Structures are given as structure tokens and as C-alpha cells.
């Protein structure tokens, strides 16, 4: 595996992107980790930007999201939770079906155990 020579590349984000991320994370009922995940950034970076806005180091107007967008974000979060739950239930049911079918196959008498000849063509 080839090793990188020289300094690592650091992604630069625009001021507009940072301010929008901070605005999204400031909405009621919205978690920082959810916003960071949806924007493909680390939650620590978003927290750092939020602190910079509070301290005045990151300038810009941050207006609250319209209520429709905030409610859509909340609904999306609830749907993601529900989807994860349904995925877990689905996986559990698949395991249960596999277990039951394996158990059924083990409990069925085979032709060798019953002494009956098997049909051959």
C-alpha cells in the first residue's frame, strides 16, 4: 500500500456552507450529530463552527429556518429512527425463519433413518 508523501490535504469549506450548517444545527429538536452526518462532516467540526459563531469569529447573518423546513427536518429524523427499527425487526425475523427452518430440517426423518429405500431415476 502506497504511503502519502507530504502533508495531508485538508478540505476547505466556504463561509456560506459553515453558516448554513450552524443554522441547521441551531434548530429546535435537531441534533448536531444528525446535521453533521447529513453534511458528511465530523460533529466536532460543526461544534467548532458553532463556537466560532458564538464568539463572533465566524461572521454572517444566521436567520432561523422557516418553520416548514424545521418541521421537515424533525419528520426526517423520526422517519430515520423508524427505518432503523424496521431494519432491526426485519433482520430478527429473517434469523427466526432461518432458525425455524433449520430446526424443521433436523427434526424431519430422513430416508436412512426410516429404512425406506429412496427413489432413484
N, C-alpha and C. Protein backbone atom coordinates (compact mmCIF):
# COMPACT_ATOMS: atom_id res chain seq x y z
N UNK A 1 0.84 -1.17 0.00
CA UNK A 1 0.00 0.00 0.00
C UNK A 1 0.89 1.24 0.00
N UNK A 2 0.60 2.17 -0.87
CA UNK A 2 1.43 3.36 -1.02
C UNK A 2 1.16 4.33 0.12
N UNK A 3 2.24 4.91 0.61
CA UNK A 3 2.10 5.90 1.68
C UNK A 3 2.07 7.28 1.05
N UNK A 4 1.29 8.15 1.67
CA UNK A 4 1.19 9.52 1.20
C UNK A 4 2.45 10.27 1.59
N UNK A 5 3.00 10.98 0.64
CA UNK A 5 4.19 11.78 0.90
C UNK A 5 3.75 13.24 0.97
N UNK A 6 4.18 13.91 2.00
CA UNK A 6 3.83 15.32 2.15
C UNK A 6 2.64 15.48 3.09
N UNK A 7 2.23 16.73 3.27
CA UNK A 7 1.14 16.99 4.22
C UNK A 7 -0.20 16.47 3.69
N UNK A 8 -1.07 16.10 4.62
CA UNK A 8 -2.40 15.62 4.25
C UNK A 8 -3.23 16.78 3.73
N UNK A 9 -4.08 16.49 2.78
CA UNK A 9 -4.94 17.54 2.24
C UNK A 9 -6.10 17.77 3.20
N UNK A 10 -6.38 19.04 3.44
CA UNK A 10 -7.47 19.41 4.34
C UNK A 10 -8.54 20.09 3.51
N UNK A 11 -9.76 19.61 3.65
CA UNK A 11 -10.87 20.18 2.89
C UNK A 11 -11.22 21.55 3.44
N UNK A 12 -11.37 22.50 2.57
CA UNK A 12 -11.74 23.86 2.94
C UNK A 12 -13.23 24.05 2.64
N UNK A 13 -13.96 24.55 3.60
CA UNK A 13 -15.39 24.80 3.42
C UNK A 13 -15.63 26.30 3.31
N UNK A 14 -16.60 26.65 2.49
CA UNK A 14 -16.91 28.07 2.31
C UNK A 14 -17.62 28.61 3.55
N UNK A 15 -17.56 29.92 3.70
CA UNK A 15 -18.24 30.58 4.81
C UNK A 15 -19.73 30.31 4.75
N UNK A 16 -20.28 30.34 3.53
CA UNK A 16 -21.71 30.09 3.36
C UNK A 16 -22.09 28.70 3.85
N UNK A 17 -21.28 27.69 3.52
CA UNK A 17 -21.53 26.31 3.95
C UNK A 17 -21.50 26.20 5.47
N UNK A 18 -20.47 26.83 6.07
CA UNK A 18 -20.33 26.77 7.53
C UNK A 18 -21.54 27.41 8.22
N UNK A 19 -21.94 28.60 7.72
CA UNK A 19 -23.07 29.29 8.33
C UNK A 19 -24.38 28.52 8.17
N UNK A 20 -24.55 27.89 7.01
CA UNK A 20 -25.76 27.09 6.80
C UNK A 20 -25.77 25.88 7.74
N UNK A 21 -24.61 25.25 7.91
CA UNK A 21 -24.52 24.11 8.82
C UNK A 21 -24.84 24.53 10.25
N UNK A 22 -24.32 25.68 10.67
CA UNK A 22 -24.60 26.20 12.02
C UNK A 22 -26.09 26.52 12.16
N UNK A 23 -26.66 27.09 11.11
CA UNK A 23 -28.09 27.43 11.13
C UNK A 23 -28.94 26.17 11.27
N UNK A 24 -28.61 25.14 10.52
CA UNK A 24 -29.36 23.88 10.61
C UNK A 24 -29.24 23.26 11.99
N UNK A 25 -28.05 23.31 12.55
CA UNK A 25 -27.83 22.67 13.85
C UNK A 25 -28.47 23.44 15.00
N UNK A 26 -28.82 24.70 14.75
CA UNK A 26 -29.41 25.52 15.80
C UNK A 26 -30.93 25.40 15.91
N UNK A 27 -31.53 24.60 15.06
CA UNK A 27 -32.99 24.47 15.08
C UNK A 27 -33.44 23.60 16.25
N UNK A 28 -34.61 23.89 16.81
CA UNK A 28 -35.10 23.07 17.92
C UNK A 28 -35.37 21.64 17.48
N UNK A 29 -34.96 20.71 18.30
CA UNK A 29 -35.20 19.29 18.03
C UNK A 29 -34.22 18.66 17.06
N UNK A 30 -33.22 19.41 16.63
CA UNK A 30 -32.24 18.89 15.67
C UNK A 30 -30.92 18.66 16.42
N UNK A 31 -30.36 17.47 16.25
CA UNK A 31 -29.10 17.12 16.91
C UNK A 31 -27.91 17.47 16.02
N UNK A 32 -26.83 17.90 16.65
CA UNK A 32 -25.62 18.25 15.93
C UNK A 32 -25.10 17.07 15.13
N UNK A 33 -25.13 15.89 15.73
CA UNK A 33 -24.59 14.72 15.03
C UNK A 33 -25.41 14.38 13.79
N UNK A 34 -26.71 14.62 13.82
CA UNK A 34 -27.55 14.36 12.66
C UNK A 34 -27.24 15.32 11.52
N UNK A 35 -27.06 16.59 11.86
CA UNK A 35 -26.72 17.59 10.84
C UNK A 35 -25.34 17.27 10.26
N UNK A 36 -24.40 16.98 11.13
CA UNK A 36 -23.04 16.68 10.68
C UNK A 36 -23.03 15.45 9.77
N UNK A 37 -23.76 14.43 10.15
CA UNK A 37 -23.83 13.22 9.34
C UNK A 37 -24.45 13.50 7.97
N UNK A 38 -25.51 14.30 7.95
CA UNK A 38 -26.16 14.60 6.67
C UNK A 38 -25.28 15.46 5.76
N UNK A 39 -24.38 16.24 6.34
CA UNK A 39 -23.48 17.08 5.55
C UNK A 39 -22.12 16.43 5.31
N UNK A 40 -21.95 15.21 5.82
CA UNK A 40 -20.70 14.45 5.67
C UNK A 40 -19.51 15.18 6.27
N UNK A 41 -19.71 15.73 7.47
CA UNK A 41 -18.62 16.35 8.21
C UNK A 41 -18.59 15.75 9.61
N UNK A 42 -17.50 15.95 10.31
CA UNK A 42 -17.37 15.42 11.66
C UNK A 42 -18.15 16.33 12.63
N UNK A 43 -18.86 15.77 13.60
CA UNK A 43 -19.60 16.59 14.56
C UNK A 43 -18.73 17.60 15.29
N UNK A 44 -17.47 17.25 15.54
CA UNK A 44 -16.57 18.17 16.22
C UNK A 44 -16.37 19.44 15.39
N UNK A 45 -16.27 19.27 14.07
CA UNK A 45 -16.08 20.43 13.20
C UNK A 45 -17.28 21.37 13.28
N UNK A 46 -18.47 20.79 13.28
CA UNK A 46 -19.68 21.59 13.37
C UNK A 46 -19.75 22.30 14.73
N UNK A 47 -19.38 21.61 15.78
CA UNK A 47 -19.36 22.24 17.11
C UNK A 47 -18.36 23.40 17.14
N UNK A 48 -17.23 23.21 16.47
CA UNK A 48 -16.21 24.26 16.40
C UNK A 48 -16.77 25.49 15.68
N UNK A 49 -17.49 25.26 14.57
CA UNK A 49 -18.08 26.37 13.83
C UNK A 49 -19.15 27.08 14.67
N UNK A 50 -19.92 26.32 15.42
CA UNK A 50 -20.94 26.93 16.29
C UNK A 50 -20.28 27.84 17.33
N UNK A 51 -19.16 27.38 17.89
CA UNK A 51 -18.44 28.19 18.88
C UNK A 51 -17.88 29.45 18.23
N UNK A 52 -17.37 29.31 17.01
CA UNK A 52 -16.83 30.47 16.31
C UNK A 52 -17.92 31.51 16.04
N UNK A 53 -19.13 31.07 15.72
CA UNK A 53 -20.24 31.99 15.51
C UNK A 53 -20.60 32.68 16.82
N UNK A 54 -20.67 31.91 17.92
CA UNK A 54 -20.99 32.50 19.23
C UNK A 54 -19.96 33.54 19.64
N UNK A 55 -18.67 33.24 19.36
CA UNK A 55 -17.59 34.15 19.75
C UNK A 55 -17.44 35.32 18.78
N UNK A 56 -18.13 35.27 17.65
CA UNK A 56 -18.03 36.33 16.66
C UNK A 56 -16.87 36.17 15.69
N UNK A 57 -16.17 35.04 15.77
CA UNK A 57 -15.04 34.79 14.87
C UNK A 57 -15.51 34.42 13.46
N UNK A 58 -16.69 33.87 13.36
CA UNK A 58 -17.25 33.46 12.08
C UNK A 58 -18.43 34.39 11.82
N UNK A 59 -18.22 35.38 10.99
CA UNK A 59 -19.24 36.42 10.81
C UNK A 59 -20.26 36.02 9.76
N UNK A 60 -21.44 36.54 9.91
CA UNK A 60 -22.50 36.29 8.94
C UNK A 60 -23.84 36.35 9.62
N UNK A 61 -24.86 36.59 8.82
CA UNK A 61 -26.22 36.63 9.37
C UNK A 61 -26.77 35.21 9.39
N UNK A 62 -27.24 34.81 10.53
CA UNK A 62 -27.85 33.50 10.67
C UNK A 62 -29.31 33.71 11.01
N UNK A 63 -30.13 33.50 10.04
CA UNK A 63 -31.57 33.64 10.25
C UNK A 63 -32.15 32.27 10.56
N UNK A 64 -33.17 32.21 11.39
CA UNK A 64 -33.77 30.92 11.69
C UNK A 64 -34.41 30.31 10.44
N UNK A 65 -34.41 29.00 10.40
CA UNK A 65 -35.06 28.30 9.29
C UNK A 65 -36.56 28.55 9.33
N UNK A 66 -37.19 28.58 8.18
CA UNK A 66 -38.65 28.66 8.20
C UNK A 66 -39.22 27.44 8.93
N UNK A 67 -40.38 27.61 9.54
CA UNK A 67 -40.95 26.53 10.33
C UNK A 67 -41.20 25.28 9.51
N UNK A 68 -41.50 25.44 8.22
CA UNK A 68 -41.74 24.28 7.38
C UNK A 68 -40.47 23.44 7.26
N UNK A 69 -39.33 24.08 7.05
CA UNK A 69 -38.07 23.34 6.94
C UNK A 69 -37.71 22.67 8.27
N UNK A 70 -37.92 23.37 9.35
CA UNK A 70 -37.62 22.79 10.66
C UNK A 70 -38.50 21.58 10.93
N UNK A 71 -39.78 21.66 10.57
CA UNK A 71 -40.67 20.51 10.78
C UNK A 71 -40.29 19.35 9.86
N UNK A 72 -39.81 19.67 8.65
CA UNK A 72 -39.37 18.61 7.75
C UNK A 72 -38.14 17.90 8.29
N UNK A 73 -37.22 18.67 8.89
CA UNK A 73 -36.03 18.06 9.50
C UNK A 73 -36.43 17.14 10.65
N UNK A 74 -37.38 17.59 11.46
CA UNK A 74 -37.85 16.77 12.58
C UNK A 74 -38.51 15.49 12.06
N UNK A 75 -39.32 15.62 11.02
CA UNK A 75 -40.01 14.45 10.43
C UNK A 75 -38.99 13.49 9.84
N UNK A 76 -37.97 14.01 9.18
CA UNK A 76 -36.91 13.18 8.63
C UNK A 76 -36.21 12.39 9.72
N UNK A 77 -35.92 13.05 10.82
CA UNK A 77 -35.26 12.39 11.94
C UNK A 77 -36.12 11.25 12.49
N UNK A 78 -37.42 11.50 12.62
CA UNK A 78 -38.33 10.46 13.12
C UNK A 78 -38.42 9.30 12.13
N UNK A 79 -38.45 9.60 10.84
CA UNK A 79 -38.51 8.54 9.83
C UNK A 79 -37.23 7.70 9.82
N UNK A 80 -36.09 8.34 10.04
CA UNK A 80 -34.84 7.59 10.11
C UNK A 80 -34.82 6.65 11.30
N UNK A 81 -35.33 7.09 12.43
CA UNK A 81 -35.43 6.22 13.61
C UNK A 81 -36.34 5.04 13.32
N UNK A 82 -37.48 5.33 12.71
CA UNK A 82 -38.45 4.27 12.40
C UNK A 82 -37.85 3.28 11.40
N UNK A 83 -37.11 3.79 10.42
CA UNK A 83 -36.48 2.92 9.42
C UNK A 83 -35.46 1.99 10.08
N UNK A 84 -34.64 2.52 10.98
CA UNK A 84 -33.66 1.69 11.68
C UNK A 84 -34.35 0.59 12.49
N UNK A 85 -35.45 0.96 13.15
CA UNK A 85 -36.20 -0.02 13.93
C UNK A 85 -36.77 -1.12 13.03
N UNK A 86 -37.32 -0.74 11.89
CA UNK A 86 -37.88 -1.72 10.97
C UNK A 86 -36.78 -2.62 10.39
N UNK A 87 -35.62 -2.06 10.14
CA UNK A 87 -34.50 -2.88 9.67
C UNK A 87 -34.11 -3.92 10.70
N UNK A 88 -34.06 -3.52 11.97
CA UNK A 88 -33.72 -4.46 13.03
C UNK A 88 -34.78 -5.55 13.14
N UNK A 89 -36.05 -5.18 13.06
CA UNK A 89 -37.13 -6.16 13.12
C UNK A 89 -37.03 -7.13 11.94
N UNK A 90 -36.74 -6.60 10.77
CA UNK A 90 -36.63 -7.43 9.57
C UNK A 90 -35.50 -8.45 9.73
N UNK A 91 -34.34 -7.98 10.21
CA UNK A 91 -33.21 -8.88 10.42
C UNK A 91 -33.54 -9.95 11.45
N UNK A 92 -34.24 -9.56 12.51
CA UNK A 92 -34.63 -10.52 13.53
C UNK A 92 -35.58 -11.58 12.96
N UNK A 93 -36.53 -11.17 12.16
CA UNK A 93 -37.46 -12.12 11.54
C UNK A 93 -36.73 -13.06 10.59
N UNK A 94 -35.77 -12.55 9.83
CA UNK A 94 -35.01 -13.42 8.94
C UNK A 94 -34.25 -14.48 9.73
N UNK A 95 -33.67 -14.08 10.86
CA UNK A 95 -32.95 -15.04 11.70
C UNK A 95 -33.91 -16.08 12.27
N UNK A 96 -35.08 -15.63 12.70
CA UNK A 96 -36.06 -16.55 13.26
C UNK A 96 -36.53 -17.56 12.22
N UNK A 97 -36.76 -17.11 11.01
CA UNK A 97 -37.19 -18.02 9.94
C UNK A 97 -36.09 -19.02 9.63
N UNK A 98 -34.86 -18.55 9.55
CA UNK A 98 -33.74 -19.45 9.29
C UNK A 98 -33.60 -20.49 10.41
N UNK A 99 -33.72 -20.04 11.64
CA UNK A 99 -33.61 -20.95 12.78
C UNK A 99 -34.72 -21.99 12.73
N UNK A 100 -35.96 -21.55 12.48
CA UNK A 100 -37.08 -22.48 12.45
C UNK A 100 -36.95 -23.47 11.30
N UNK A 101 -36.48 -23.03 10.15
CA UNK A 101 -36.35 -23.95 9.02
C UNK A 101 -35.23 -24.95 9.26
N UNK A 102 -34.13 -24.52 9.89
CA UNK A 102 -33.05 -25.46 10.22
C UNK A 102 -33.52 -26.48 11.23
N UNK A 103 -34.28 -26.03 12.18
CA UNK A 103 -34.81 -26.94 13.20
C UNK A 103 -35.77 -27.95 12.59
N UNK A 104 -36.58 -27.47 11.65
CA UNK A 104 -37.55 -28.35 10.99
C UNK A 104 -36.82 -29.39 10.16
N UNK A 105 -35.75 -28.98 9.48
CA UNK A 105 -34.98 -29.93 8.66
C UNK A 105 -34.32 -31.00 9.53
N UNK A 106 -33.88 -30.61 10.71
CA UNK A 106 -33.25 -31.58 11.62
C UNK A 106 -34.27 -32.56 12.19
N UNK A 107 -35.49 -32.09 12.39
CA UNK A 107 -36.49 -32.94 13.01
C UNK A 107 -37.21 -33.85 12.01
N UNK A 108 -37.11 -33.58 10.70
CA UNK A 108 -37.73 -34.44 9.70
C UNK A 108 -36.96 -35.74 9.60
N UNK A 109 -37.68 -36.86 9.58
CA UNK A 109 -36.96 -38.14 9.45
C UNK A 109 -36.43 -38.29 8.03
N UNK A 110 -35.20 -38.72 7.92
CA UNK A 110 -34.61 -38.94 6.60
C UNK A 110 -34.89 -40.36 6.17
N UNK A 111 -34.69 -40.66 4.92
CA UNK A 111 -34.97 -41.99 4.40
C UNK A 111 -34.03 -43.02 5.01
N UNK A 112 -32.84 -42.64 5.39
CA UNK A 112 -31.90 -43.59 6.01
C UNK A 112 -32.38 -44.00 7.40
N UNK A 113 -32.93 -43.04 8.14
CA UNK A 113 -33.37 -43.35 9.49
C UNK A 113 -34.62 -44.23 9.50
N UNK A 114 -35.50 -44.07 8.52
CA UNK A 114 -36.73 -44.85 8.49
C UNK A 114 -36.54 -46.20 7.84
N UNK A 115 -35.46 -46.38 7.11
CA UNK A 115 -35.23 -47.66 6.48
C UNK A 115 -35.94 -47.81 5.16
N UNK A 116 -36.61 -46.80 4.69
CA UNK A 116 -37.29 -46.86 3.41
C UNK A 116 -36.29 -46.57 2.30
N UNK A 117 -36.41 -47.30 1.21
CA UNK A 117 -35.49 -47.03 0.10
C UNK A 117 -35.81 -45.71 -0.58
N UNK A 118 -34.81 -45.08 -1.05
CA UNK A 118 -35.02 -43.83 -1.75
C UNK A 118 -35.31 -44.10 -3.21
N UNK A 119 -36.03 -43.22 -3.83
CA UNK A 119 -36.36 -43.39 -5.25
C UNK A 119 -35.18 -42.92 -6.09
N UNK A 120 -34.87 -43.69 -7.09
CA UNK A 120 -33.80 -43.28 -8.00
C UNK A 120 -34.35 -43.29 -9.40
N UNK A 121 -33.82 -42.47 -10.21
CA UNK A 121 -34.29 -42.38 -11.61
C UNK A 121 -33.27 -42.90 -12.54
